[in-house]
């Protein structure tokens, strides 16, 4: 699930639970491109479980004033918790390093603290339909970090001359995750 740019008059920009019931948030991204007012998640009654979720840029990430909140394997960034929030021994604070939040692109970049830090909760695809996990583990949030391949080709010398050696270089560089750099050099003689 993806909640972005949501606002509320006081609390609960993404979730406000004020009556009995149970809510589970799994692989959710709750974010604002600038610090939003109030709490992103506000619980006044009921039970909320939060796992593999990113909460970024809210005055308060999770506020519990009368319910039961259990959270673990989450990433909080500029979003402190308030009230009694159980669990969290595997949660962390850090930069989710979204690709371009100002333009609503909340894909993870290779430097994200959310990469490979989640746990298996039975969710096998991300919001774009990409498989989970990619790399060494499950990513926190709505999106799994994906490779971003850039392929370049260079022929040398340019222009090629018949009867001389031509080197053709193909480079494949991944600026996404998992990070890899591949290179292949082919050499042949033109006739």
Protein backbone atom coordinates (compact mmCIF):
# COMPACT_ATOMS: atom_id res chain seq x y z
CA UNK A 1 0.00 0.00 0.00
CA UNK A 2 1.15 3.54 -0.72
CA UNK A 3 -0.09 6.59 1.23
CA UNK A 4 1.53 9.82 0.04
CA UNK A 5 0.69 13.49 0.49
CA UNK A 6 -2.22 12.54 2.77
CA UNK A 7 -3.30 15.18 5.28
CA UNK A 8 -5.69 15.25 8.21
CA UNK A 9 -6.88 18.16 10.35
CA UNK A 10 -5.06 16.80 13.42
CA UNK A 11 -3.98 13.14 13.35
CA UNK A 12 -4.22 10.04 11.20
CA UNK A 13 -2.99 11.19 7.81
CA UNK A 14 -2.74 7.54 6.70
CA UNK A 15 -4.70 5.66 9.38
CA UNK A 16 -7.01 6.77 12.19
CA UNK A 17 -8.42 3.93 14.29
CA UNK A 18 -10.88 5.19 16.88
CA UNK A 19 -13.05 2.14 17.45
CA UNK A 20 -12.59 -1.55 18.15
CA UNK A 21 -11.18 -3.67 15.38
CA UNK A 22 -7.92 -5.00 14.06
CA UNK A 23 -5.81 -3.56 11.26
CA UNK A 24 -2.60 -5.01 9.80
CA UNK A 25 -0.27 -2.89 7.68
CA UNK A 26 2.22 -4.94 5.67
CA UNK A 27 4.77 -3.58 3.16
CA UNK A 28 3.27 -0.09 3.27
CA UNK A 29 4.91 3.22 2.43
CA UNK A 30 3.50 6.26 4.24
CA UNK A 31 5.34 9.39 3.17
CA UNK A 32 5.15 13.07 2.55
CA UNK A 33 7.69 14.97 0.46
CA UNK A 34 7.89 17.54 3.30
CA UNK A 35 7.29 17.06 7.02
CA UNK A 36 3.52 16.69 7.53
CA UNK A 37 1.64 17.82 10.62
CA UNK A 38 0.12 15.41 13.14
CA UNK A 39 0.56 11.66 13.31
CA UNK A 40 0.71 9.47 10.22
CA UNK A 41 -0.89 6.58 12.16
CA UNK A 42 -3.19 7.46 15.08
CA UNK A 43 -4.68 4.74 17.28
CA UNK A 44 -7.25 5.60 19.96
CA UNK A 45 -8.84 2.13 20.22
CA UNK A 46 -8.53 -1.30 18.63
CA UNK A 47 -5.39 -3.13 17.58
CA UNK A 48 -2.91 -2.26 14.84
CA UNK A 49 0.00 -4.41 13.65
CA UNK A 50 2.61 -2.67 11.50
CA UNK A 51 5.31 -4.70 9.71
CA UNK A 52 7.71 -3.93 6.83
CA UNK A 53 6.41 -0.36 6.65
CA UNK A 54 8.17 2.93 5.89
CA UNK A 55 6.89 6.05 7.64
CA UNK A 56 8.69 9.18 6.44
CA UNK A 57 8.36 12.89 7.13
CA UNK A 58 5.61 13.27 9.71
CA UNK A 59 5.69 15.18 12.99
CA UNK A 60 4.75 11.84 14.63
CA UNK A 61 4.98 8.49 12.86
CA UNK A 62 2.83 6.33 15.16
CA UNK A 63 0.69 7.72 17.99
CA UNK A 64 -1.15 5.40 20.38
CA UNK A 65 -3.49 7.05 22.89
CA UNK A 66 -5.74 4.14 23.83
CA UNK A 67 -5.38 1.08 21.61
CA UNK A 68 -2.81 -1.65 21.12
CA UNK A 69 -0.03 -1.09 18.60
CA UNK A 70 2.56 -3.71 17.71
CA UNK A 71 5.23 -2.82 15.19
CA UNK A 72 8.43 -4.42 13.96
CA UNK A 73 10.70 -4.47 10.89
CA UNK A 74 9.76 -0.89 10.03
CA UNK A 75 11.76 2.10 8.87
CA UNK A 76 11.04 5.48 10.47
CA UNK A 77 12.52 8.62 8.93
CA UNK A 78 11.71 12.04 10.43
CA UNK A 79 8.73 10.35 12.11
CA UNK A 80 9.10 9.64 15.88
CA UNK A 81 6.58 7.50 17.79
CA UNK A 82 4.41 8.66 20.70
CA UNK A 83 2.54 6.70 23.35
CA UNK A 84 2.86 2.97 24.00
CA UNK A 85 4.08 1.12 20.92
CA UNK A 86 5.07 -2.51 21.51
CA UNK A 87 7.80 -4.39 19.68
CA UNK A 88 10.17 -2.63 17.39
CA UNK A 89 13.37 -4.43 18.29
CA UNK A 90 13.98 -5.00 14.56
CA UNK A 91 12.75 -1.59 13.43
CA UNK A 92 15.22 1.12 12.49
CA UNK A 93 15.57 4.78 11.73
CA UNK A 94 17.27 5.76 8.52
CA UNK A 95 16.81 7.35 5.14
CA UNK A 96 14.52 5.42 2.77
CA UNK A 97 16.30 7.20 -0.13
CA UNK A 98 13.24 7.42 -2.36
CA UNK A 99 13.98 7.99 -6.05
CA UNK A 100 12.07 11.30 -6.46
CA UNK A 101 9.47 12.00 -3.75
CA UNK A 102 8.85 15.57 -4.98
CA UNK A 103 7.39 13.96 -8.12
CA UNK A 104 5.70 11.07 -6.25
CA UNK A 105 8.30 8.42 -7.15
CA UNK A 106 8.72 6.38 -3.96
CA UNK A 107 10.82 3.59 -5.48
CA UNK A 108 13.88 2.73 -3.39
CA UNK A 109 17.34 3.69 -4.62
CA UNK A 110 20.47 1.63 -3.94
CA UNK A 111 21.36 3.65 -0.80
CA UNK A 112 18.01 3.02 0.95
CA UNK A 113 18.12 1.78 4.55
CA UNK A 114 14.97 -0.24 3.76
CA UNK A 115 16.73 -2.68 1.41
CA UNK A 116 16.96 -6.29 2.62
CA UNK A 117 15.87 -5.30 6.15
CA UNK A 118 12.29 -6.65 6.15
CA UNK A 119 10.92 -10.02 7.15
CA UNK A 120 8.89 -12.62 5.27
CA UNK A 121 5.18 -11.96 5.89
CA UNK A 122 3.95 -13.90 2.86
CA UNK A 123 3.84 -10.95 0.44
CA UNK A 124 5.53 -12.14 -2.76
CA UNK A 125 5.12 -9.08 -5.02
CA UNK A 126 5.52 -5.33 -4.60
CA UNK A 127 3.09 -2.58 -5.62
CA UNK A 128 4.41 -2.67 -9.21
CA UNK A 129 4.02 -6.46 -9.42
CA UNK A 130 7.77 -7.12 -9.10
CA UNK A 131 8.78 -10.26 -7.20
CA UNK A 132 9.82 -10.21 -3.54
CA UNK A 133 12.54 -10.67 -2.45
CA UNK A 134 15.21 -9.35 -4.80
CA UNK A 135 18.74 -9.59 -3.44
CA UNK A 136 19.49 -10.85 0.06
CA UNK A 137 16.11 -10.26 1.72
CA UNK A 138 12.74 -8.54 1.74
CA UNK A 139 12.68 -4.76 1.41
CA UNK A 140 10.61 -2.60 3.74
CA UNK A 141 7.84 -0.55 2.12
CA UNK A 142 5.55 -0.81 -0.88
CA UNK A 143 8.34 -1.25 -3.42
CA UNK A 144 11.16 -3.77 -3.75
CA UNK A 145 14.42 -2.18 -4.94
CA UNK A 146 15.05 -3.17 -8.54
CA UNK A 147 18.07 -3.19 -10.86
CA UNK A 148 18.46 -0.12 -13.10
CA UNK A 149 20.65 -1.22 -15.99
CA UNK A 150 22.41 1.25 -18.28
CA UNK A 151 24.02 -0.26 -21.39
CA UNK A 152 26.63 1.65 -23.38
CA UNK A 153 28.41 0.63 -26.58
CA UNK A 154 31.61 2.16 -27.95
CA UNK A 155 33.49 1.27 -31.15
CA UNK A 156 37.15 2.24 -31.39
CA UNK A 157 38.69 3.62 -33.54
CA UNK A 158 35.92 5.73 -35.02
CA UNK A 159 35.57 5.67 -37.97
CA UNK A 160 36.53 2.06 -38.57
CA UNK A 161 39.05 1.35 -41.34
CA UNK A 162 38.99 -1.90 -43.36
CA UNK A 163 41.89 -4.24 -42.54
CA UNK A 164 42.48 -2.73 -39.09
CA UNK A 165 41.54 -3.93 -35.67
CA UNK A 166 38.23 -2.65 -34.27
CA UNK A 167 37.48 -2.81 -30.56
CA UNK A 168 33.83 -2.84 -29.63
CA UNK A 169 33.14 -2.29 -25.90
CA UNK A 170 29.83 -3.03 -24.24
CA UNK A 171 29.36 -1.90 -20.63
CA UNK A 172 26.41 -2.82 -18.46
CA UNK A 173 26.15 -0.81 -15.23
CA UNK A 174 23.44 -1.19 -12.62
CA UNK A 175 22.64 1.96 -10.62
CA UNK A 176 19.84 0.13 -8.80
CA UNK A 177 19.98 -2.79 -6.41
CA UNK A 178 21.66 -5.23 -6.17
CA UNK A 179 24.61 -3.21 -7.44
CA UNK A 180 26.75 -4.84 -10.09
CA UNK A 181 29.00 -3.67 -12.88
CA UNK A 182 29.65 -5.84 -15.90
CA UNK A 183 31.94 -5.24 -18.83
CA UNK A 184 32.60 -7.11 -22.03
CA UNK A 185 35.28 -6.29 -24.58
CA UNK A 186 35.09 -7.85 -28.04
CA UNK A 187 37.80 -7.38 -30.65
CA UNK A 188 37.55 -8.34 -34.30
CA UNK A 189 39.29 -7.43 -37.56
CA UNK A 190 37.34 -5.82 -40.35
CA UNK A 191 37.95 -6.98 -43.89
